[in-house]
Protein backbone atom coordinates (compact mmCIF):
# COMPACT_ATOMS: atom_id res chain seq x y z
CA MET A 1 93.38 99.29 83.18
CA LYS A 2 94.32 95.45 83.92
CA ILE A 3 96.97 93.28 84.28
CA ILE A 4 97.22 89.67 83.04
CA ILE A 5 100.24 87.85 84.32
CA PRO A 6 101.07 84.25 82.88
CA MET A 7 102.94 82.26 85.73
CA ALA A 8 102.39 78.78 85.09
CA GLY A 9 105.16 77.34 84.32
CA MET A 10 106.90 74.91 86.56
CA GLY A 11 110.24 77.05 86.23
CA LYS A 12 112.54 73.83 86.21
CA ARG A 13 115.40 75.76 85.56
CA MET A 14 115.28 77.19 89.21
CA ARG A 15 114.95 74.24 90.95
CA PRO A 16 115.51 72.81 93.93
CA HIS A 17 113.68 76.64 94.75
CA THR A 18 110.88 75.95 92.67
CA LEU A 19 110.31 72.63 94.16
CA THR A 20 108.07 73.85 97.14
CA ILE A 21 106.77 77.39 95.80
CA PRO A 22 106.04 78.58 92.56
CA LYS A 23 108.79 81.17 91.05
CA PRO A 24 107.38 83.97 90.77
CA LEU A 25 106.52 84.14 94.44
CA ILE A 26 110.47 83.87 95.24
CA SER A 27 111.11 86.94 97.96
CA ILE A 28 113.64 89.05 95.93
CA ALA A 29 114.50 91.74 98.86
CA GLY A 30 111.40 90.81 101.02
CA LYS A 31 108.61 90.98 98.07
CA PRO A 32 108.23 88.09 95.77
CA ILE A 33 108.82 88.29 92.31
CA VAL A 34 105.38 89.05 91.17
CA GLN A 35 104.91 91.59 93.62
CA ARG A 36 108.10 93.69 92.71
CA LEU A 37 106.60 93.18 88.97
CA SER A 38 102.89 94.39 89.77
CA GLU A 39 103.97 97.33 91.97
CA GLY A 40 106.82 98.68 89.12
CA ILE A 41 103.94 98.20 85.75
CA VAL A 42 101.25 100.38 88.33
CA LYS A 43 103.82 102.81 88.61
CA VAL A 44 104.81 102.97 84.95
CA ALA A 45 100.93 102.71 83.41
CA GLY A 46 100.17 106.07 84.34
CA GLN A 47 96.24 105.15 85.51
CA GLU A 48 94.37 103.44 87.91
CA VAL A 49 94.80 99.67 87.36
CA ASP A 50 91.54 98.10 88.66
CA GLU A 51 92.16 94.10 88.16
CA ILE A 52 95.47 92.43 88.00
CA ALA A 53 94.46 88.56 86.93
CA PHE A 54 97.18 85.87 87.49
CA ILE A 55 97.06 82.55 85.10
CA ILE A 56 98.68 79.82 87.26
CA GLY A 57 98.64 76.28 87.63
CA ASP A 58 97.86 73.74 90.33
CA PHE A 59 99.28 75.86 93.44
CA GLY A 60 96.92 75.78 96.03
CA ALA A 61 95.06 77.72 98.28
CA GLU A 62 97.87 79.32 99.82
CA VAL A 63 99.82 81.25 97.16
CA GLU A 64 96.25 82.14 95.40
CA LYS A 65 95.78 84.15 98.73
CA THR A 66 98.92 85.60 98.07
CA LEU A 67 97.98 86.64 94.65
CA ILE A 68 95.12 88.28 95.68
CA ALA A 69 96.33 90.37 98.46
CA ILE A 70 99.47 91.24 96.37
CA ALA A 71 96.36 93.07 93.62
CA GLU A 72 94.65 94.02 96.73
CA SER A 73 97.97 95.87 98.52
CA LEU A 74 98.08 97.72 95.13
CA GLY A 75 94.32 99.01 94.97
CA ALA A 76 92.80 95.95 92.24
CA LYS A 77 90.77 93.56 92.65
CA GLY A 78 92.54 90.15 91.93
CA SER A 79 91.32 87.24 90.07
CA ILE A 80 92.76 83.70 89.29
CA TYR A 81 92.72 81.72 85.91
CA TYR A 82 94.21 78.30 85.39
CA GLN A 83 96.07 76.95 82.61
CA ARG A 84 95.96 73.49 82.96
CA LYS A 85 98.22 72.38 79.80
CA ALA A 86 101.43 74.03 78.79
CA LEU A 87 100.12 75.30 75.16
CA GLY A 88 102.65 78.52 74.66
CA THR A 89 102.09 82.10 75.11
CA ALA A 90 99.09 82.55 73.46
CA HIS A 91 96.99 80.01 75.43
CA ALA A 92 98.33 80.98 78.41
CA ILE A 93 96.92 84.79 77.80
CA ASN A 94 93.80 83.40 76.54
CA CYS A 95 93.15 81.61 79.54
CA ALA A 96 92.48 84.93 81.17
CA ALA A 97 89.90 85.71 78.59
CA ASP A 98 87.13 87.22 80.74
CA SER A 99 89.47 90.11 82.42
CA MET A 100 90.61 91.46 78.91
CA GLN A 101 88.69 94.37 78.06
CA GLY A 102 89.86 97.75 77.82
CA ASN A 103 93.37 98.57 78.22
CA VAL A 104 95.63 95.92 78.97
CA ILE A 105 98.91 95.39 80.15
CA VAL A 106 100.32 91.46 80.08
CA ALA A 107 103.66 90.53 81.78
CA PHE A 108 105.29 87.44 81.96
CA ALA A 109 106.55 86.47 85.81
CA ASP A 110 109.92 85.96 85.30
CA THR A 111 111.51 88.92 84.42
CA LEU A 112 111.56 92.47 86.89
CA PHE A 113 112.77 96.04 85.24
CA ASP A 114 113.56 99.25 86.07
CA ALA A 115 112.20 101.87 83.84
CA ASP A 116 110.93 105.86 84.01
CA PHE A 117 108.46 106.51 81.23
CA LYS A 118 105.24 106.63 81.23
CA LEU A 119 102.71 104.48 79.43
CA ASP A 120 101.10 106.41 76.07
CA ALA A 121 97.51 104.74 76.32
CA SER A 122 96.46 106.30 73.22
CA LYS A 123 98.75 103.92 70.83
CA ASP A 124 97.28 100.76 69.65
CA GLY A 125 100.02 98.60 71.50
CA ILE A 126 103.29 99.17 73.07
CA ILE A 127 106.33 96.36 73.10
CA TRP A 128 108.54 96.67 76.48
CA THR A 129 111.90 96.32 75.12
CA HIS A 130 115.68 96.27 76.04
CA LYS A 131 118.61 97.20 74.09
CA VAL A 132 121.36 94.00 74.33
CA GLU A 133 124.83 92.96 72.93
CA ASP A 134 123.48 90.06 71.42
CA PRO A 135 120.19 89.85 70.41
CA SER A 136 120.55 86.19 68.87
CA ALA A 137 119.68 85.06 71.50
CA PHE A 138 116.59 86.79 71.91
CA GLY A 139 112.94 87.62 70.27
CA VAL A 140 113.43 91.55 68.94
CA VAL A 141 111.35 94.23 67.29
CA LYS A 142 112.39 95.90 64.33
CA LYS A 143 111.14 99.49 63.25
CA GLY A 144 110.80 102.08 60.64
CA ALA A 145 111.67 105.47 61.07
CA ASP A 146 108.42 106.94 62.36
CA GLY A 147 109.12 104.45 65.08
CA VAL A 148 106.81 101.84 64.35
CA ILE A 149 107.18 98.29 64.83
CA THR A 150 107.57 96.72 61.43
CA ASP A 151 109.24 93.40 61.97
CA PHE A 152 108.97 90.86 65.13
CA VAL A 153 111.99 88.77 64.67
CA GLU A 154 112.84 85.33 66.88
CA LYS A 155 116.55 84.94 67.51
CA PRO A 156 118.14 86.53 64.44
CA ALA A 157 121.06 85.11 63.06
CA GLU A 158 122.24 88.44 61.62
CA PHE A 159 122.06 91.47 62.85
CA VAL A 160 118.44 93.57 62.35
CA SER A 161 118.21 94.83 65.67
CA ASP A 162 119.17 95.35 69.36
CA GLU A 163 115.86 95.90 70.41
CA ALA A 164 115.32 92.51 72.58
CA ILE A 165 111.44 91.79 73.75
CA ILE A 166 111.46 91.82 77.87
CA GLY A 167 107.89 89.72 77.71
CA ILE A 168 105.77 92.73 78.84
CA TYR A 169 103.28 94.37 76.59
CA TYR A 170 100.32 96.65 76.31
CA PHE A 171 97.23 96.67 74.17
CA ARG A 172 94.78 99.55 74.29
CA ASP A 173 92.04 96.89 73.25
CA GLY A 174 91.86 93.88 75.12
CA GLU A 175 88.99 92.88 73.08
CA ASN A 176 90.91 92.75 70.18
CA LEU A 177 93.65 90.99 71.51
CA GLN A 178 91.44 88.10 72.92
CA LYS A 179 89.46 87.54 69.65
CA GLU A 180 93.66 87.31 67.36
CA LEU A 181 94.58 85.12 70.24
CA GLN A 182 91.06 83.07 69.82
CA TYR A 183 91.60 83.19 65.99
CA LEU A 184 94.93 80.96 67.02
CA MET A 185 93.04 78.53 68.75
CA ASP A 186 90.44 77.71 66.15
CA ASN A 187 92.37 77.14 62.98
CA ASN A 188 95.18 75.62 65.25
CA ILE A 189 97.98 77.75 64.22
CA VAL A 190 100.91 76.60 65.94
CA LYS A 191 104.81 76.88 66.09
CA GLY A 192 106.66 73.67 67.83
CA GLY A 193 103.31 72.28 69.38
CA GLU A 194 102.23 76.11 70.43
CA TYR A 195 99.98 78.63 69.97
CA GLN A 196 102.64 81.95 69.88
CA LEU A 197 101.93 85.63 71.25
CA THR A 198 104.15 86.62 68.04
CA ASP A 199 101.69 84.77 65.64
CA ALA A 200 99.03 87.08 66.68
CA LEU A 201 100.96 90.45 66.89
CA GLU A 202 101.59 89.87 63.47
CA ASN A 203 98.21 89.13 62.45
CA MET A 204 97.35 92.37 64.69
CA LYS A 205 100.12 94.90 62.35
CA LEU A 206 98.89 93.21 58.98
CA LYS A 207 95.61 94.46 59.58
CA GLY A 208 96.80 97.58 60.30
CA LEU A 209 97.65 98.23 64.08
CA LYS A 210 100.77 100.62 65.18
CA PHE A 211 102.90 99.28 68.06
CA TYR A 212 105.73 100.98 69.64
CA SER A 213 108.65 100.09 71.63
CA GLY A 214 108.86 101.11 75.14
CA GLN A 215 112.59 101.03 76.30
CA VAL A 216 112.56 99.87 79.86
CA ASP A 217 116.57 101.51 81.24
CA GLU A 218 117.28 97.81 82.50
CA TRP A 219 115.96 94.22 82.38
CA LEU A 220 116.36 91.63 85.06
CA ASP A 221 116.07 87.98 84.80
CA CYS A 222 115.19 85.26 86.91
CA GLY A 223 115.24 82.52 85.37
CA ASN A 224 117.78 80.75 86.97
CA LYS A 225 120.20 80.77 90.20
CA ASP A 226 122.66 83.30 88.92
CA ALA A 227 120.34 85.33 87.59
CA THR A 228 118.34 85.65 90.39
CA VAL A 229 121.14 86.15 92.48
CA TYR A 230 121.93 89.09 90.23
CA THR A 231 118.89 90.46 89.99
CA SER A 232 117.99 90.75 93.69
CA ASN A 233 121.86 92.16 93.70
CA ARG A 234 119.96 95.14 91.44
CA VAL A 235 117.13 95.76 93.12
CA LEU A 236 118.88 96.36 96.66
CA ALA A 237 121.08 99.24 94.69
CA LEU A 238 117.56 100.34 93.09
CA SER A 239 115.50 100.26 95.88
CA LYS A 240 116.51 103.98 97.40
CA ASP A 241 113.11 104.47 98.97
CA GLU A 242 112.66 101.08 100.55
CA LYS A 243 113.29 100.73 104.77
CA LEU A 244 115.37 97.60 103.54
CA ILE A 245 116.41 96.32 107.26
CA ALA A 246 113.89 95.61 109.79
CA GLU A 247 113.50 97.56 113.44
CA SER A 248 113.04 93.89 115.19
CA ALA A 249 116.49 92.35 113.49
CA LYS A 250 118.70 92.05 116.37
CA MET A 251 122.59 92.31 115.38
CA SER A 252 125.64 91.69 117.79
CA ASN A 253 129.39 92.17 116.72
CA THR A 254 128.15 92.10 113.07
CA GLN A 255 129.11 94.61 110.26
CA ILE A 256 126.32 95.38 107.79
CA ILE A 257 127.73 96.62 104.23
CA GLU A 258 124.64 98.06 102.04
CA PRO A 259 122.96 97.81 100.51
CA CYS A 260 121.30 94.54 102.53
CA TYR A 261 117.81 93.61 103.42
CA ILE A 262 117.44 92.28 106.57
CA GLY A 263 113.94 90.87 107.30
CA GLU A 264 111.87 91.27 110.73
CA ASN A 265 113.60 89.22 114.02
CA VAL A 266 116.41 88.10 111.74
CA VAL A 267 119.61 87.71 114.32
CA LEU A 268 122.95 88.10 113.46
CA GLU A 269 125.68 87.58 115.15
CA ASN A 270 129.75 87.73 114.47
CA CYS A 271 129.08 88.55 111.08
CA VAL A 272 129.73 90.23 108.13
CA VAL A 273 126.95 91.08 105.47
CA GLY A 274 127.15 92.35 102.51
CA PRO A 275 127.12 93.87 100.13
CA HIS A 276 123.79 92.85 98.42
CA VAL A 277 122.23 89.93 100.61
CA SER A 278 118.66 89.49 101.58
CA ILE A 279 118.07 87.42 104.71
CA GLY A 280 114.15 86.75 105.18
CA ALA A 281 112.31 87.04 108.20
CA ASN A 282 113.14 84.58 111.30
CA SER A 283 116.57 83.66 110.45
CA GLN A 284 119.56 83.05 112.44
CA ILE A 285 123.19 83.99 111.59
CA LYS A 286 126.41 83.11 113.20
CA ASP A 287 130.18 83.13 112.56
CA THR A 288 129.63 83.75 109.27
CA VAL A 289 130.18 86.35 106.32
CA ILE A 290 128.03 86.50 103.20
CA ARG A 291 127.78 88.69 100.42
CA ASN A 292 126.05 88.76 97.01
CA SER A 293 123.21 85.83 98.39
CA MET A 294 120.18 85.34 99.05
CA VAL A 295 118.70 83.47 102.42
CA GLY A 296 114.81 82.77 102.98
CA THR A 297 112.55 82.66 106.10
CA ASP A 298 113.63 80.66 109.07
CA SER A 299 116.97 79.56 108.32
CA HIS A 300 119.56 78.70 110.59
CA ILE A 301 123.60 79.53 109.28
CA GLU A 302 126.79 79.07 111.01
CA GLY A 303 129.78 79.02 108.66
CA LYS A 304 132.60 80.53 107.41
CA PHE A 305 132.23 82.37 104.10
CA ILE A 306 128.92 82.15 101.74
CA ASP A 307 128.91 84.20 98.24
CA ASN A 308 126.93 84.21 94.87
CA SER A 309 124.35 81.84 96.91
CA MET A 310 120.96 81.33 97.08
CA ILE A 311 119.40 79.48 100.18
CA GLY A 312 115.90 78.85 100.46
CA ASN A 313 113.66 78.64 103.60
CA SER A 314 113.62 76.85 106.67
CA VAL A 315 117.52 75.79 105.76
CA THR A 316 120.33 74.81 108.58
CA LEU A 317 123.60 75.13 107.11
CA VAL A 318 126.89 75.12 109.52
CA ASN A 319 130.53 74.87 108.37
CA THR A 320 129.28 75.06 104.13
CA ALA A 321 131.04 76.44 101.14
CA ASP A 322 130.69 78.97 99.15
CA ASP A 323 128.34 79.35 96.35
CA LEU A 324 125.43 77.35 96.78
CA SER A 325 121.82 76.58 95.77
CA ILE A 326 120.05 74.97 98.41
CA GLY A 327 115.83 74.16 98.44
CA ASP A 328 113.70 74.65 101.37
CA PHE A 329 113.80 72.42 104.35
CA SER A 330 117.81 71.01 103.71
CA THR A 331 120.00 70.31 106.38
CA SER A 332 123.89 70.10 105.97
CA VAL A 333 125.87 69.77 109.28
């Protein structure tokens, strides 16, 4: 089994946080988004994953080193590919053409999920979905009585299905997927100036391949600040098997309302922390009430009340208001 993760986007909706770090490497409860995504897929895959291929932009050597380490922590080889131009989902995936052999899972790195199923690798393809209240904002699948997907519908104006595509796909034959993606590019089949994965899926379906949906219990978005804070809250609530509070954390006159993630060497003094707070390693927080928020590493905070906030790495804040979105290396006193 191989996992292919396109993550070359600039993450503009997550600025200022993505000015210094790619969005998939933003930490959620102590782990980068892309690491949690990879761990979730490995758990569901039901077989050994031998390679994880990351498709990135010009993110630098340190990012590449981190991604390779994530793959190796899961017992897989890490591979790096580059998407030089933003030419659509099909183009992004095809940048990893050399890794498309055998069973392949494609997962876009701006989403997390919670699922309790094992992948049936004998099927031609599985499109992971989640039922939503308003499907008009999503791509959805329409299925026949036998459960086989009959149509892929992008943002339907009228109701056809409430099963939204979450951006994770399984293909039994990676070589065939690559041929279909290459066909789009060779024949310049574009929509809105981009090569679309859904066009390849439609071609494969017309040739007789049968796709099924795999429903996840929860779909968590990391598209903007508020969504990412909510995702962090849910990850904390679901992380029952993880040790969330480091033994090296020092706390005096502080109340922790779980669930919370407290990283290595965090110092908390005269604080009320939680619920749903994530604090990165080496941060120091004093005289603060903080809830439903994310704080990066090496930050210093003194203030009255912080809520629904996302605070980056190496940030200094004193006497600040609530509901903040502060990028790395910022100071407000």
